Amino acid sequence: MIDRLLGRRRLKERIAELEGERDDAVARMEAEERRRGEAARKRQAAEKRVNELETRVTELEDRLERAAAEDAERSVDFRRVETLRPGRRDEVLARLRSLETEPEGALSAFVADDGDVPDPVEGALGDRASLVRRAAPTLVYADDAGLVSCALSPALDPEPFCEWTDSFRVDDAWFRPTGRFAFGLLRSDTFGLGVYEGDERVELRTVRTDVMDEHDKGGFSQARYERLREEQIDEHLDECREALAELPADLDRVVLVGERGVVKRLAEYADHTAASDATGKPEAALEEAFAEFWTARLRLI
């Protein structure tokens, strides 16, 4: 019996020893898991920070590249800028037409306001091609000998094109009043509309409407003042719309210039529209706008 009791005690002691070892092993395992978990969290945090830093470095590099490109563009400027009134404009056009080269020695192109600079223009102008973007919409003329290099803004934009030939492509209709056409100046209170044959006006219609100005506001509330003024402008535009609708059907084109907001409202009656600051009585304002519209801008590249 004593032996049995002693045997049980030894077993219990052994069990206690093993349980202690087990508890120690579990504690070590849990400590190791906690260490590994902390290490994993630190690793993830470090990886996240590395990614953030790499993203930031990429952003800064992009900004640096853009700044360098902008600095490069700003470092190049037009050699000269000149406004060409009719006489001077025709002289410049004649000089461009007079240049003759070997086949594919003269580059002509038109770059729209939102268009890309064609590769041949980039190749011909190199770093100076950035000036074409600044001048657009514009015609570009250059020759393979580097004697001519300019941008010329026309009154009427052609469709985009780019070609190397033996002479420059210069169309009078882009720069000068040609054929039989209508030209109108439209403001919220003033309208002048002429029919022209070339640069000679053969018909004229004018509309002048009293439209409330700020000093006419009087005792009206702001909302009532704006409503009355808009009604007066609507009546004015109705008369202008009637005049445009009555234009002859055999015209080559209709050009409408003036205040952007009101011109936009009648743009359906025009083939070409543009902004104009011409003011005054309808006929005088029309003459001013007409001369301004057919003025070209020359930029030497």
Protein backbone atom coordinates (compact mmCIF):
# COMPACT_ATOMS: atom_id res chain seq x y z
CA MET A 1 0.00 0.00 0.00
CA ILE A 2 2.84 2.33 0.87
CA ASP A 3 4.46 1.51 -2.45
CA ARG A 4 1.27 2.37 -4.24
CA LEU A 5 1.07 5.64 -2.38
CA LEU A 6 4.70 6.44 -3.16
CA GLY A 7 4.13 5.55 -6.82
CA ARG A 8 1.17 7.88 -7.06
CA ARG A 9 3.11 10.69 -5.41
CA ARG A 10 5.95 10.29 -7.91
CA LEU A 11 3.44 10.32 -10.72
CA LYS A 12 1.82 13.46 -9.35
CA GLU A 13 5.21 15.10 -8.98
CA ARG A 14 6.07 14.12 -12.54
CA ILE A 15 2.74 15.43 -13.77
CA ALA A 16 3.39 18.69 -11.94
CA GLU A 17 6.86 18.89 -13.51
CA LEU A 18 5.46 18.27 -16.96
CA GLU A 19 2.65 20.75 -16.46
CA GLY A 20 5.24 23.31 -15.38
CA GLU A 21 7.31 22.62 -18.47
CA ARG A 22 4.15 22.82 -20.56
CA ASP A 23 3.19 26.14 -19.01
CA ASP A 24 6.70 27.45 -19.60
CA ALA A 25 6.58 26.27 -23.21
CA VAL A 26 3.16 27.90 -23.71
CA ALA A 27 4.46 31.13 -22.17
CA ARG A 28 7.51 31.06 -24.44
CA MET A 29 5.30 30.33 -27.44
CA GLU A 30 2.91 33.14 -26.59
CA ALA A 31 5.85 35.51 -26.04
CA GLU A 32 7.31 34.46 -29.40
CA GLU A 33 3.93 35.00 -31.10
CA ARG A 34 3.63 38.42 -29.50
CA ARG A 35 7.16 39.24 -30.65
CA ARG A 36 6.41 38.01 -34.15
CA GLY A 37 3.11 39.92 -34.19
CA GLU A 38 4.87 43.10 -33.11
CA ALA A 39 7.60 42.47 -35.67
CA ALA A 40 4.96 41.95 -38.36
CA ARG A 41 3.19 45.16 -37.37
CA LYS A 42 6.47 47.04 -37.43
CA ARG A 43 7.30 45.53 -40.80
CA GLN A 44 3.89 46.49 -42.19
CA ALA A 45 4.25 50.02 -40.81
CA ALA A 46 7.72 50.27 -42.32
CA GLU A 47 6.46 48.99 -45.69
CA LYS A 48 3.61 51.51 -45.60
CA ARG A 49 6.02 54.33 -44.85
CA VAL A 50 8.34 53.20 -47.64
CA ASN A 51 5.41 53.24 -50.08
CA GLU A 52 4.36 56.70 -48.89
CA LEU A 53 7.89 58.00 -49.32
CA GLU A 54 8.23 56.44 -52.77
CA THR A 55 4.94 58.04 -53.84
CA ARG A 56 6.06 61.40 -52.51
CA VAL A 57 9.42 61.11 -54.28
CA THR A 58 7.62 60.32 -57.56
CA GLU A 59 5.32 63.33 -57.11
CA LEU A 60 8.26 65.63 -56.42
CA GLU A 61 10.18 64.25 -59.40
CA ASP A 62 7.14 64.90 -61.63
CA ARG A 63 6.85 68.45 -60.29
CA LEU A 64 10.55 68.97 -60.90
CA GLU A 65 10.25 67.74 -64.49
CA ARG A 66 7.22 69.97 -65.13
CA ALA A 67 8.98 72.96 -63.61
CA ALA A 68 12.05 72.30 -65.74
CA ALA A 69 9.87 72.02 -68.86
CA GLU A 70 8.05 75.25 -67.99
CA ASP A 71 11.36 77.02 -67.37
CA ALA A 72 12.62 75.77 -70.72
CA GLU A 73 9.49 77.09 -72.46
CA ARG A 74 9.74 80.45 -70.70
CA SER A 75 13.40 80.73 -71.69
CA VAL A 76 12.34 80.72 -75.36
CA ASP A 77 10.41 83.73 -76.61
CA PHE A 78 9.24 85.19 -79.89
CA ARG A 79 11.87 87.22 -81.70
CA ARG A 80 9.27 89.82 -82.55
CA VAL A 81 5.49 90.26 -82.43
CA GLU A 82 3.74 92.59 -84.87
CA THR A 83 0.11 93.52 -85.51
CA LEU A 84 -0.48 93.61 -89.26
CA ARG A 85 -2.97 96.19 -90.52
CA PRO A 86 -4.29 95.65 -94.06
CA GLY A 87 -1.42 97.29 -95.98
CA ARG A 88 1.34 95.67 -93.94
CA ARG A 89 -0.55 92.37 -93.87
CA ASP A 90 -0.72 92.20 -97.66
CA GLU A 91 2.99 93.01 -97.89
CA VAL A 92 3.88 90.14 -95.54
CA LEU A 93 1.61 87.73 -97.41
CA ALA A 94 3.26 88.70 -100.70
CA ARG A 95 6.69 87.98 -99.26
CA LEU A 96 5.58 84.56 -98.03
CA ARG A 97 4.16 83.73 -101.46
CA SER A 98 7.38 84.80 -103.16
CA LEU A 99 9.52 82.12 -101.50
CA GLU A 100 10.18 79.11 -103.69
CA THR A 101 12.26 76.10 -102.67
CA GLU A 102 13.19 72.64 -103.83
CA PRO A 103 10.42 70.04 -103.42
CA GLU A 104 9.51 69.66 -99.74
CA GLY A 105 11.57 72.67 -98.72
CA ALA A 106 8.70 74.85 -97.41
CA LEU A 107 6.62 73.83 -94.39
CA SER A 108 3.08 75.16 -93.96
CA ALA A 109 0.77 74.10 -91.13
CA PHE A 110 -2.27 75.24 -89.19
CA VAL A 111 -2.43 74.37 -85.48
CA ALA A 112 -5.84 74.73 -83.83
CA ASP A 113 -6.31 76.21 -80.39
CA ASP A 114 -6.77 72.80 -78.79
CA GLY A 115 -4.73 70.82 -81.31
CA ASP A 116 -1.37 69.11 -81.04
CA VAL A 117 1.72 70.50 -82.71
CA PRO A 118 2.39 68.19 -85.71
CA ASP A 119 5.62 66.18 -85.67
CA PRO A 120 7.02 67.95 -88.78
CA VAL A 121 6.61 71.30 -86.99
CA GLU A 122 8.33 69.90 -83.90
CA GLY A 123 11.12 68.60 -86.08
CA ALA A 124 11.57 71.87 -87.95
CA LEU A 125 11.44 74.17 -84.91
CA GLY A 126 12.92 71.98 -82.16
CA ASP A 127 12.74 73.65 -78.74
CA ARG A 128 11.02 76.65 -80.31
CA ALA A 129 7.97 74.51 -81.14
CA SER A 130 6.64 75.38 -77.68
CA LEU A 131 6.02 78.88 -79.05
CA VAL A 132 3.52 77.43 -81.53
CA ARG A 133 1.39 76.19 -78.63
CA ARG A 134 1.43 79.69 -77.16
CA ALA A 135 0.41 81.26 -80.48
CA ALA A 136 -2.33 78.75 -81.42
CA PRO A 137 -4.65 78.93 -83.23
CA THR A 138 -2.08 79.90 -85.82
CA LEU A 139 -0.52 79.18 -89.16
CA VAL A 140 3.14 78.15 -89.07
CA TYR A 141 5.62 78.81 -91.87
CA ALA A 142 9.23 77.56 -91.95
CA ASP A 143 11.72 76.54 -94.60
CA ASP A 144 14.46 73.92 -94.56
CA ALA A 145 17.21 76.57 -94.72
CA GLY A 146 15.95 78.39 -91.62
CA LEU A 147 15.39 81.66 -93.49
CA VAL A 148 11.70 81.80 -92.53
CA SER A 149 10.28 80.78 -89.17
CA CYS A 150 7.05 82.44 -88.09
CA ALA A 151 3.51 82.02 -86.76
CA LEU A 152 0.75 84.02 -88.42
CA SER A 153 -2.75 84.21 -86.92
CA PRO A 154 -5.45 84.45 -89.63
CA ALA A 155 -8.87 86.06 -89.36
CA LEU A 156 -10.64 82.87 -90.51
CA ASP A 157 -9.15 79.59 -89.33
CA PRO A 158 -8.72 76.85 -91.95
CA GLU A 159 -8.98 73.17 -91.11
CA PRO A 160 -5.77 71.85 -89.51
CA PHE A 161 -3.16 70.73 -92.05
CA CYS A 162 0.60 70.20 -92.26
CA GLU A 163 2.62 69.86 -95.46
CA TRP A 164 6.10 70.18 -96.94
CA THR A 165 5.97 71.50 -100.53
CA ASP A 166 8.00 73.83 -102.76
CA SER A 167 6.19 76.99 -101.55
CA PHE A 168 4.14 78.25 -98.63
CA ARG A 169 0.37 77.69 -98.59
CA VAL A 170 -1.15 81.18 -98.25
CA ASP A 171 -4.86 81.60 -98.96
CA ASP A 172 -6.27 85.14 -99.25
CA ALA A 173 -9.60 84.00 -97.80
CA TRP A 174 -7.89 83.32 -94.46
CA PHE A 175 -6.66 86.91 -94.10
CA ARG A 176 -8.67 89.26 -96.32
CA PRO A 177 -12.36 89.90 -96.99
CA THR A 178 -13.11 88.00 -100.19
CA GLY A 179 -16.28 87.07 -102.04
CA ARG A 180 -19.75 88.15 -100.97
CA PHE A 181 -20.41 87.77 -97.26
CA ALA A 182 -22.13 89.30 -94.23
CA PHE A 183 -20.33 90.74 -91.23
CA GLY A 184 -22.11 91.77 -88.05
CA LEU A 185 -21.21 93.36 -84.71
CA LEU A 186 -23.52 92.33 -81.88
CA ARG A 187 -23.71 93.84 -78.41
CA SER A 188 -26.51 93.70 -75.85
CA ASP A 189 -27.77 97.13 -77.02
CA THR A 190 -26.10 97.63 -80.41
CA PHE A 191 -26.17 95.75 -83.70
CA GLY A 192 -24.60 96.58 -87.03
CA LEU A 193 -24.91 94.18 -89.95
CA GLY A 194 -23.33 94.72 -93.35
CA VAL A 195 -23.23 92.79 -96.60
CA TYR A 196 -19.82 93.06 -98.26
CA GLU A 197 -18.31 92.34 -101.63
CA GLY A 198 -14.65 92.02 -100.82
CA ASP A 199 -13.83 94.92 -98.51
CA GLU A 200 -16.66 97.11 -99.85
CA ARG A 201 -19.90 97.28 -97.86
CA VAL A 202 -22.95 97.25 -100.15
CA GLU A 203 -25.77 96.91 -97.60
CA LEU A 204 -26.21 98.02 -94.00
CA ARG A 205 -28.75 97.42 -91.26
CA THR A 206 -28.45 98.73 -87.72
CA VAL A 207 -30.37 98.19 -84.49
CA ARG A 208 -30.00 100.34 -81.39
CA THR A 209 -31.97 99.45 -78.24
CA ASP A 210 -32.19 101.32 -74.94
CA VAL A 211 -31.14 98.75 -72.38
CA MET A 212 -31.13 99.61 -68.69
CA ASP A 213 -27.73 100.30 -67.21
CA GLU A 214 -26.78 100.22 -63.53
CA HIS A 215 -27.42 103.95 -63.16
CA ASP A 216 -30.98 103.39 -64.49
CA LYS A 217 -31.79 100.97 -61.69
CA GLY A 218 -33.65 103.65 -59.69
CA GLY A 219 -35.93 102.22 -57.02
CA PHE A 220 -36.12 98.75 -58.56
CA SER A 221 -35.06 95.76 -56.53
CA GLN A 222 -32.03 93.91 -57.88
CA ALA A 223 -34.18 91.01 -59.06
CA ARG A 224 -36.69 93.26 -60.85
CA TYR A 225 -33.91 95.35 -62.39
CA GLU A 226 -32.18 92.25 -63.76
CA ARG A 227 -35.49 90.85 -65.08
CA LEU A 228 -36.41 94.07 -66.88
CA ARG A 229 -32.92 94.41 -68.33
CA GLU A 230 -32.96 90.83 -69.59
CA GLU A 231 -36.35 91.42 -71.21
CA GLN A 232 -34.96 94.46 -73.03
CA ILE A 233 -31.95 92.44 -74.23
CA ASP A 234 -34.28 89.66 -75.42
CA GLU A 235 -36.29 92.20 -77.45
CA HIS A 236 -33.05 93.57 -78.90
CA LEU A 237 -31.86 90.09 -79.87
CA ASP A 238 -35.23 89.32 -81.48
CA GLU A 239 -34.68 92.25 -83.86
CA CYS A 240 -31.09 91.12 -84.52
CA ARG A 241 -32.27 87.58 -85.14
CA GLU A 242 -34.82 88.85 -87.66
CA ALA A 243 -32.14 90.81 -89.52
CA LEU A 244 -29.84 87.78 -89.68
CA ALA A 245 -32.67 85.54 -90.88
CA GLU A 246 -33.37 87.95 -93.75
CA LEU A 247 -29.83 87.87 -95.14
CA PRO A 248 -29.53 86.81 -98.81
CA ALA A 249 -29.12 83.09 -99.36
CA ASP A 250 -26.24 83.46 -101.83
CA LEU A 251 -23.65 84.66 -99.29
CA ASP A 252 -20.33 82.82 -99.02
CA ARG A 253 -20.29 83.15 -95.23
CA VAL A 254 -21.66 85.03 -92.24
CA VAL A 255 -19.28 86.38 -89.60
CA LEU A 256 -20.63 87.58 -86.24
CA VAL A 257 -18.46 89.28 -83.62
CA GLY A 258 -19.08 91.16 -80.38
CA GLU A 259 -19.95 90.33 -76.76
CA ARG A 260 -19.34 86.64 -76.22
CA GLY A 261 -22.56 86.05 -74.26
CA VAL A 262 -24.97 87.52 -76.79
CA VAL A 263 -23.00 86.31 -79.83
CA LYS A 264 -23.29 82.80 -78.47
CA ARG A 265 -27.09 83.15 -78.36
CA LEU A 266 -27.23 83.91 -82.09
CA ALA A 267 -24.31 81.72 -83.18
CA GLU A 268 -26.63 79.46 -85.19
CA TYR A 269 -26.92 82.23 -87.80
CA ALA A 270 -23.14 82.55 -88.30
CA ASP A 271 -20.42 80.47 -89.91
CA HIS A 272 -17.71 82.17 -87.83
CA THR A 273 -17.86 83.98 -84.48
CA ALA A 274 -15.32 85.99 -82.50
CA ALA A 275 -15.11 88.42 -79.60
CA SER A 276 -14.86 92.17 -80.21
CA ASP A 277 -14.66 95.17 -77.88
CA ALA A 278 -15.82 97.68 -80.53
CA THR A 279 -18.31 100.17 -79.07
CA GLY A 280 -20.17 103.30 -80.11
CA LYS A 281 -22.94 103.92 -82.60
CA PRO A 282 -23.81 100.86 -84.70
CA GLU A 283 -22.23 101.91 -88.00
CA ALA A 284 -19.02 103.26 -86.46
CA ALA A 285 -18.72 100.26 -84.17
CA LEU A 286 -19.24 97.93 -87.14
CA GLU A 287 -16.43 99.63 -89.07
CA GLU A 288 -14.11 99.36 -86.08
CA ALA A 289 -14.93 95.68 -85.55
CA PHE A 290 -14.49 94.94 -89.27
CA ALA A 291 -11.01 96.48 -89.35
CA GLU A 292 -10.06 94.71 -86.11
CA PHE A 293 -11.27 91.32 -87.36
CA TRP A 294 -9.15 91.42 -90.53
CA THR A 295 -6.01 92.39 -88.63
CA ALA A 296 -3.41 89.59 -88.46
CA ARG A 297 -0.82 88.91 -85.76
CA LEU A 298 2.71 87.97 -86.85
CA ARG A 299 5.09 86.25 -84.44
CA LEU A 300 8.66 85.51 -85.45
CA ILE A 301 9.82 82.21 -83.96
